[in-house]
Amino acid sequence: MEIKKAEFTLSAPMESMCPKDTKPEYAFIGRSNVGKSSLINMLTGKKNLAKTSATPGKTLLINHFIINNEWYLVDLPGYGFAKRSKKEVQKLEQMINGYILQREQLVNVFLLIDIRLEAQKIDLEFMEWMGTSSVPFAIIFTKADKLSASKVLQNLNAYKKVLSETWEELPPIFVTSSEKKQGRDEVLDYIEQINKGLKE
C-alpha cells in the first residue's frame, strides 16, 4: 500500500464523539513509551503526524487520522502509566474500553510491545480481554533496531511460547523498527488485505 495522504481529523474524549463516518478504523495502542507515535509517523511517512514526546503518556484522547481518504488510523491513549491519579486511570480505561467495544467501524487493534522486554502481565491481560471480547487484534513489536537480529528472534520466540500457553492460535505478529522503517510494508499490506476483504 502506498500512502499518498495522511491527515489529522480530530481528537475525541469518548467513542460517541469520534468521526461520523463508516470508513474502517485501525487502532494502535500500547503501554506508555512503547514508541507508538514514532511508529505511526513511520507507517504514514509523515514525520510529525503523531506528536512524539519525551514524556510518556501524552496521548489522552482518541486521535483520528484519515489515510488516503479510505481508512482511519486511530491513536489510542497508552495504558499502564504509573504517574496518573486513580481517577485519571479510570477515565482513560473507560475511554479505551468504550472505543474498542462500541466502535462499529473498528476492524483491527494493533497492540504495540517493546521487543526488548519479556512478556508483561499488563499486556497479556489486555490481549486476554480483547480475546474474550472477540476483538480482532495483531501484535506489533517495536524497537527491533535496539537489539541484534539473533536477540530479536530469541525474544520473539520466548514471547510466542508464553502466548501459546493461553492461545490456541497466535494473532498476526509484526516486528518493526521506526528508525529503520522495518516492518512498514508488512503492516500496511496487512491493512490493505483487510480493507479489500471488507469491500468484497
C-alpha atoms as a PDB file:
ATOM      1  CA  MET A   1       0.000   0.000   0.000  1.00  0.00           C
ATOM      2  CA  GLU A   2       1.228   3.427  -0.889  1.00  0.00           C
ATOM      3  CA  ILE A   3       0.251   6.226   1.458  1.00  0.00           C
ATOM      4  CA  LYS A   4      -0.374   9.336  -0.566  1.00  0.00           C
ATOM      5  CA  LYS A   5      -2.288  11.276   2.027  1.00  0.00           C
ATOM      6  CA  ALA A   6      -2.368  11.214   5.819  1.00  0.00           C
ATOM      7  CA  GLU A   7      -4.141  13.950   7.748  1.00  0.00           C
ATOM      8  CA  PHE A   8      -5.204  14.545  11.320  1.00  0.00           C
ATOM      9  CA  THR A   9      -9.009  14.574  11.587  1.00  0.00           C
ATOM     10  CA  LEU A  10      -9.990  15.047  15.224  1.00  0.00           C
ATOM     11  CA  SER A  11      -9.348  14.219  18.870  1.00  0.00           C
ATOM     12  CA  ALA A  12     -12.262  12.866  20.872  1.00  0.00           C
ATOM     13  CA  PRO A  13     -12.653  12.282  24.627  1.00  0.00           C
ATOM     14  CA  MET A  14     -15.122   9.416  24.042  1.00  0.00           C
ATOM     15  CA  GLU A  15     -16.317   6.984  21.371  1.00  0.00           C
ATOM     16  CA  SER A  16     -19.579   8.850  20.729  1.00  0.00           C
ATOM     17  CA  MET A  17     -17.606  11.949  19.653  1.00  0.00           C
ATOM     18  CA  CYS A  18     -15.459  10.122  17.068  1.00  0.00           C
ATOM     19  CA  PRO A  19     -15.977  10.907  13.341  1.00  0.00           C
ATOM     20  CA  LYS A  20     -19.428  10.192  11.976  1.00  0.00           C
ATOM     21  CA  ASP A  21     -18.087   8.093   9.155  1.00  0.00           C
ATOM     22  CA  THR A  22     -18.339   4.481   8.027  1.00  0.00           C
ATOM     23  CA  LYS A  23     -14.744   4.026   6.851  1.00  0.00           C
ATOM     24  CA  PRO A  24     -12.771   1.200   8.514  1.00  0.00           C
ATOM     25  CA  GLU A  25     -10.638   2.093  11.528  1.00  0.00           C
ATOM     26  CA  TYR A  26      -7.362   0.567  12.729  1.00  0.00           C
ATOM     27  CA  ALA A  27      -6.443   1.396  16.307  1.00  0.00           C
ATOM     28  CA  PHE A  28      -2.916   1.500  17.713  1.00  0.00           C
ATOM     29  CA  ILE A  29      -2.396   1.026  21.431  1.00  0.00           C
ATOM     30  CA  GLY A  30       0.380   0.044  23.798  1.00  0.00           C
ATOM     31  CA  ARG A  31       1.940   0.801  27.124  1.00  0.00           C
ATOM     32  CA  SER A  32       3.349   4.277  27.610  1.00  0.00           C
ATOM     33  CA  ASN A  33       6.719   4.812  25.937  1.00  0.00           C
ATOM     34  CA  VAL A  34       6.397   1.855  23.555  1.00  0.00           C
ATOM     35  CA  GLY A  35       7.171   4.079  20.563  1.00  0.00           C
ATOM     36  CA  LYS A  36       3.617   4.467  19.241  1.00  0.00           C
ATOM     37  CA  SER A  37       3.936   7.980  17.808  1.00  0.00           C
ATOM     38  CA  SER A  38       7.211   7.122  16.082  1.00  0.00           C
ATOM     39  CA  LEU A  39       5.626   4.014  14.565  1.00  0.00           C
ATOM     40  CA  ILE A  40       2.580   5.939  13.313  1.00  0.00           C
ATOM     41  CA  ASN A  41       4.849   8.566  11.747  1.00  0.00           C
ATOM     42  CA  MET A  42       6.979   5.848  10.149  1.00  0.00           C
ATOM     43  CA  LEU A  43       3.952   3.995   8.730  1.00  0.00           C
ATOM     44  CA  THR A  44       2.403   7.129   7.263  1.00  0.00           C
ATOM     45  CA  GLY A  45       5.713   8.562   6.076  1.00  0.00           C
ATOM     46  CA  LYS A  46       4.958  11.839   7.864  1.00  0.00           C
ATOM     47  CA  LYS A  47       7.485  12.966  10.435  1.00  0.00           C
ATOM     48  CA  ASN A  48       5.169  14.895  12.732  1.00  0.00           C
ATOM     49  CA  LEU A  49       1.751  13.396  12.126  1.00  0.00           C
ATOM     50  CA  ALA A  50       1.563  11.905  15.626  1.00  0.00           C
ATOM     51  CA  LYS A  51       3.268  14.061  18.202  1.00  0.00           C
ATOM     52  CA  THR A  52       6.229  12.258  19.723  1.00  0.00           C
ATOM     53  CA  SER A  53       7.095  13.319  23.217  1.00  0.00           C
ATOM     54  CA  ALA A  54       9.857  12.767  25.734  1.00  0.00           C
ATOM     55  CA  THR A  55       7.130  12.483  28.358  1.00  0.00           C
ATOM     56  CA  PRO A  56       5.368   9.115  28.164  1.00  0.00           C
ATOM     57  CA  GLY A  57       1.596   9.064  28.229  1.00  0.00           C
ATOM     58  CA  LYS A  58       0.977  12.266  26.304  1.00  0.00           C
ATOM     59  CA  THR A  59      -1.950  10.868  24.271  1.00  0.00           C
ATOM     60  CA  LEU A  60      -5.031  11.408  26.411  1.00  0.00           C
ATOM     61  CA  LEU A  61      -7.649  11.451  23.667  1.00  0.00           C
ATOM     62  CA  ILE A  62      -8.754   9.211  20.791  1.00  0.00           C
ATOM     63  CA  ASN A  63      -6.923  10.693  17.794  1.00  0.00           C
ATOM     64  CA  HIS A  64      -8.187  10.006  14.281  1.00  0.00           C
ATOM     65  CA  PHE A  65      -6.045  10.329  11.150  1.00  0.00           C
ATOM     66  CA  ILE A  66      -7.584   9.799   7.711  1.00  0.00           C
ATOM     67  CA  ILE A  67      -5.362   7.813   5.337  1.00  0.00           C
ATOM     68  CA  ASN A  68      -5.743   8.078   1.537  1.00  0.00           C
ATOM     69  CA  ASN A  69      -9.363   9.169   2.222  1.00  0.00           C
ATOM     70  CA  GLU A  70     -10.052   5.429   2.591  1.00  0.00           C
ATOM     71  CA  TRP A  71      -9.458   4.395   6.208  1.00  0.00           C
ATOM     72  CA  TYR A  72      -8.652   5.808   9.628  1.00  0.00           C
ATOM     73  CA  LEU A  73      -5.588   5.229  11.705  1.00  0.00           C
ATOM     74  CA  VAL A  74      -6.608   5.705  15.340  1.00  0.00           C
ATOM     75  CA  ASP A  75      -4.085   6.606  18.015  1.00  0.00           C
ATOM     76  CA  LEU A  76      -5.386   5.467  21.406  1.00  0.00           C
ATOM     77  CA  PRO A  77      -4.012   6.569  24.795  1.00  0.00           C
ATOM     78  CA  GLY A  78      -1.280   4.372  26.243  1.00  0.00           C
ATOM     79  CA  TYR A  79      -2.016   2.286  29.296  1.00  0.00           C
ATOM     80  CA  GLY A  80      -0.058   1.305  32.361  1.00  0.00           C
ATOM     81  CA  PHE A  81       1.456   4.713  33.030  1.00  0.00           C
ATOM     82  CA  ALA A  82       2.083   4.944  36.760  1.00  0.00           C
ATOM     83  CA  LYS A  83       2.177   8.708  37.203  1.00  0.00           C
ATOM     84  CA  ARG A  84      -1.570   9.162  36.901  1.00  0.00           C
ATOM     85  CA  SER A  85      -4.153   9.547  39.596  1.00  0.00           C
ATOM     86  CA  LYS A  86      -6.640   6.716  40.102  1.00  0.00           C
ATOM     87  CA  LYS A  87      -9.378   8.920  38.684  1.00  0.00           C
ATOM     88  CA  GLU A  88      -7.375   9.678  35.527  1.00  0.00           C
ATOM     89  CA  VAL A  89      -6.543   5.994  35.048  1.00  0.00           C
ATOM     90  CA  GLN A  90     -10.232   5.053  35.343  1.00  0.00           C
ATOM     91  CA  LYS A  91     -11.206   7.766  32.871  1.00  0.00           C
ATOM     92  CA  LEU A  92      -8.625   6.538  30.352  1.00  0.00           C
ATOM     93  CA  GLU A  93      -9.725   2.932  30.820  1.00  0.00           C
ATOM     94  CA  GLN A  94     -13.349   3.882  30.209  1.00  0.00           C
ATOM     95  CA  MET A  95     -12.346   5.810  27.081  1.00  0.00           C
ATOM     96  CA  ILE A  96     -10.263   2.935  25.681  1.00  0.00           C
ATOM     97  CA  ASN A  97     -12.817   0.248  26.576  1.00  0.00           C
ATOM     98  CA  GLY A  98     -15.689   2.324  25.239  1.00  0.00           C
ATOM     99  CA  TYR A  99     -13.942   2.858  21.912  1.00  0.00           C
ATOM    100  CA  ILE A 100     -12.733  -0.741  21.474  1.00  0.00           C
ATOM    101  CA  LEU A 101     -16.032  -2.382  22.458  1.00  0.00           C
ATOM    102  CA  GLN A 102     -18.539   0.062  20.978  1.00  0.00           C
ATOM    103  CA  ARG A 103     -16.938   1.432  17.830  1.00  0.00           C
ATOM    104  CA  GLU A 104     -18.571  -0.389  14.922  1.00  0.00           C
ATOM    105  CA  GLN A 105     -16.028   0.943  12.415  1.00  0.00           C
ATOM    106  CA  LEU A 106     -13.096  -0.607  14.298  1.00  0.00           C
ATOM    107  CA  VAL A 107     -11.816  -3.584  12.312  1.00  0.00           C
ATOM    108  CA  ASN A 108      -8.474  -4.285  13.989  1.00  0.00           C
ATOM    109  CA  VAL A 109      -6.425  -3.278  17.021  1.00  0.00           C
ATOM    110  CA  PHE A 110      -2.636  -3.222  16.775  1.00  0.00           C
ATOM    111  CA  LEU A 111      -1.112  -3.861  20.183  1.00  0.00           C
ATOM    112  CA  LEU A 112       2.416  -2.446  20.419  1.00  0.00           C
ATOM    113  CA  ILE A 113       5.015  -4.209  22.539  1.00  0.00           C
ATOM    114  CA  ASP A 114       8.681  -3.318  23.130  1.00  0.00           C
ATOM    115  CA  ILE A 115      10.688  -6.283  21.763  1.00  0.00           C
ATOM    116  CA  ARG A 116      13.363  -5.719  24.432  1.00  0.00           C
ATOM    117  CA  LEU A 117      11.066  -6.668  27.307  1.00  0.00           C
ATOM    118  CA  GLU A 118       9.872 -10.079  28.365  1.00  0.00           C
ATOM    119  CA  ALA A 119       6.124 -10.679  28.405  1.00  0.00           C
ATOM    120  CA  GLN A 120       4.446  -8.222  30.789  1.00  0.00           C
ATOM    121  CA  LYS A 121       1.335  -9.146  32.774  1.00  0.00           C
ATOM    122  CA  ILE A 122      -0.457  -5.931  31.765  1.00  0.00           C
ATOM    123  CA  ASP A 123      -0.075  -6.672  28.025  1.00  0.00           C
ATOM    124  CA  LEU A 124      -1.083 -10.314  28.394  1.00  0.00           C
ATOM    125  CA  GLU A 125      -4.180  -9.306  30.372  1.00  0.00           C
ATOM    126  CA  PHE A 126      -5.075  -6.722  27.729  1.00  0.00           C
ATOM    127  CA  MET A 127      -4.798  -9.389  24.993  1.00  0.00           C
ATOM    128  CA  GLU A 128      -6.927 -11.766  27.023  1.00  0.00           C
ATOM    129  CA  TRP A 129      -9.565  -9.070  27.464  1.00  0.00           C
ATOM    130  CA  MET A 130      -9.600  -8.428  23.697  1.00  0.00           C
ATOM    131  CA  GLY A 131      -9.790 -12.168  23.040  1.00  0.00           C
ATOM    132  CA  THR A 132     -12.747 -12.726  25.360  1.00  0.00           C
ATOM    133  CA  SER A 133     -14.411  -9.607  23.896  1.00  0.00           C
ATOM    134  CA  SER A 134     -13.909 -11.015  20.343  1.00  0.00           C
ATOM    135  CA  VAL A 135     -11.855  -8.013  19.249  1.00  0.00           C
ATOM    136  CA  PRO A 136      -9.580  -8.814  16.257  1.00  0.00           C
ATOM    137  CA  PHE A 137      -6.016  -7.764  17.020  1.00  0.00           C
ATOM    138  CA  ALA A 138      -2.428  -8.111  15.859  1.00  0.00           C
ATOM    139  CA  ILE A 139       0.822  -7.605  17.754  1.00  0.00           C
ATOM    140  CA  ILE A 140       3.463  -5.145  16.618  1.00  0.00           C
ATOM    141  CA  PHE A 141       6.834  -5.488  18.293  1.00  0.00           C
ATOM    142  CA  THR A 142       8.669  -2.147  18.285  1.00  0.00           C
ATOM    143  CA  LYS A 143      12.285  -1.002  18.652  1.00  0.00           C
ATOM    144  CA  ALA A 144      13.825  -4.018  16.874  1.00  0.00           C
ATOM    145  CA  ASP A 145      16.836  -1.863  15.906  1.00  0.00           C
ATOM    146  CA  LYS A 146      17.825  -1.686  19.586  1.00  0.00           C
ATOM    147  CA  LEU A 147      18.754  -5.403  19.602  1.00  0.00           C
ATOM    148  CA  SER A 148      20.815  -7.736  17.443  1.00  0.00           C
ATOM    149  CA  ALA A 149      18.872  -9.824  14.923  1.00  0.00           C
ATOM    150  CA  SER A 150      19.527 -13.016  16.918  1.00  0.00           C
ATOM    151  CA  LYS A 151      18.314 -11.397  20.156  1.00  0.00           C
ATOM    152  CA  VAL A 152      15.158 -10.163  18.387  1.00  0.00           C
ATOM    153  CA  LEU A 153      14.455 -13.726  17.261  1.00  0.00           C
ATOM    154  CA  GLN A 154      15.187 -15.100  20.714  1.00  0.00           C
ATOM    155  CA  ASN A 155      12.823 -12.615  22.409  1.00  0.00           C
ATOM    156  CA  LEU A 156      10.163 -13.193  19.752  1.00  0.00           C
ATOM    157  CA  ASN A 157      10.243 -16.967  20.246  1.00  0.00           C
ATOM    158  CA  ALA A 158      10.144 -16.567  24.037  1.00  0.00           C
ATOM    159  CA  TYR A 159       7.086 -14.326  23.697  1.00  0.00           C
ATOM    160  CA  LYS A 160       5.331 -16.739  21.345  1.00  0.00           C
ATOM    161  CA  LYS A 161       5.973 -19.522  23.842  1.00  0.00           C
ATOM    162  CA  VAL A 162       4.260 -17.516  26.605  1.00  0.00           C
ATOM    163  CA  LEU A 163       1.324 -16.737  24.298  1.00  0.00           C
ATOM    164  CA  SER A 164       0.870 -20.335  23.183  1.00  0.00           C
ATOM    165  CA  GLU A 165       0.239 -21.304  26.822  1.00  0.00           C
ATOM    166  CA  THR A 166      -3.063 -19.393  26.622  1.00  0.00           C
ATOM    167  CA  TRP A 167      -3.824 -19.061  22.904  1.00  0.00           C
ATOM    168  CA  GLU A 168      -4.572 -21.978  20.616  1.00  0.00           C
ATOM    169  CA  GLU A 169      -3.886 -19.761  17.639  1.00  0.00           C
ATOM    170  CA  LEU A 170      -1.480 -16.837  17.802  1.00  0.00           C
ATOM    171  CA  PRO A 171      -2.541 -13.427  16.480  1.00  0.00           C
ATOM    172  CA  PRO A 172      -0.657 -11.967  13.480  1.00  0.00           C
ATOM    173  CA  ILE A 173       2.757 -10.708  14.640  1.00  0.00           C
ATOM    174  CA  PHE A 174       4.904  -7.955  13.100  1.00  0.00           C
ATOM    175  CA  VAL A 175       8.420  -6.905  14.049  1.00  0.00           C
ATOM    176  CA  THR A 176       9.180  -3.238  13.420  1.00  0.00           C
ATOM    177  CA  SER A 177      11.760  -0.521  13.809  1.00  0.00           C
ATOM    178  CA  SER A 178      10.660   3.076  13.300  1.00  0.00           C
ATOM    179  CA  GLU A 179      14.302   4.093  12.866  1.00  0.00           C
ATOM    180  CA  LYS A 180      14.937   1.642  10.038  1.00  0.00           C
ATOM    181  CA  LYS A 181      11.392   1.549   8.606  1.00  0.00           C
ATOM    182  CA  GLN A 182      11.424  -2.184   9.276  1.00  0.00           C
ATOM    183  CA  GLY A 183       8.028  -3.897   9.075  1.00  0.00           C
ATOM    184  CA  ARG A 184       6.347  -0.933   7.365  1.00  0.00           C
ATOM    185  CA  ASP A 185       5.314  -2.774   4.191  1.00  0.00           C
ATOM    186  CA  GLU A 186       4.126  -5.823   6.131  1.00  0.00           C
ATOM    187  CA  VAL A 187       1.827  -3.804   8.422  1.00  0.00           C
ATOM    188  CA  LEU A 188       0.441  -1.688   5.562  1.00  0.00           C
ATOM    189  CA  ASP A 189      -0.102  -4.753   3.371  1.00  0.00           C
ATOM    190  CA  TYR A 190      -1.983  -6.396   6.210  1.00  0.00           C
ATOM    191  CA  ILE A 191      -4.278  -3.352   6.489  1.00  0.00           C
ATOM    192  CA  GLU A 192      -4.765  -3.309   2.721  1.00  0.00           C
ATOM    193  CA  GLN A 193      -5.654  -7.002   2.741  1.00  0.00           C
ATOM    194  CA  ILE A 194      -8.344  -6.432   5.412  1.00  0.00           C
ATOM    195  CA  ASN A 195      -9.700  -3.403   3.530  1.00  0.00           C
ATOM    196  CA  LYS A 196     -10.011  -5.435   0.325  1.00  0.00           C
ATOM    197  CA  GLY A 197     -11.841  -8.173   2.227  1.00  0.00           C
ATOM    198  CA  LEU A 198     -14.311  -5.623   3.609  1.00  0.00           C
ATOM    199  CA  LYS A 199     -15.183  -4.427   0.096  1.00  0.00           C
ATOM    200  CA  GLU A 200     -15.975  -7.915  -1.189  1.00  0.00           C
END
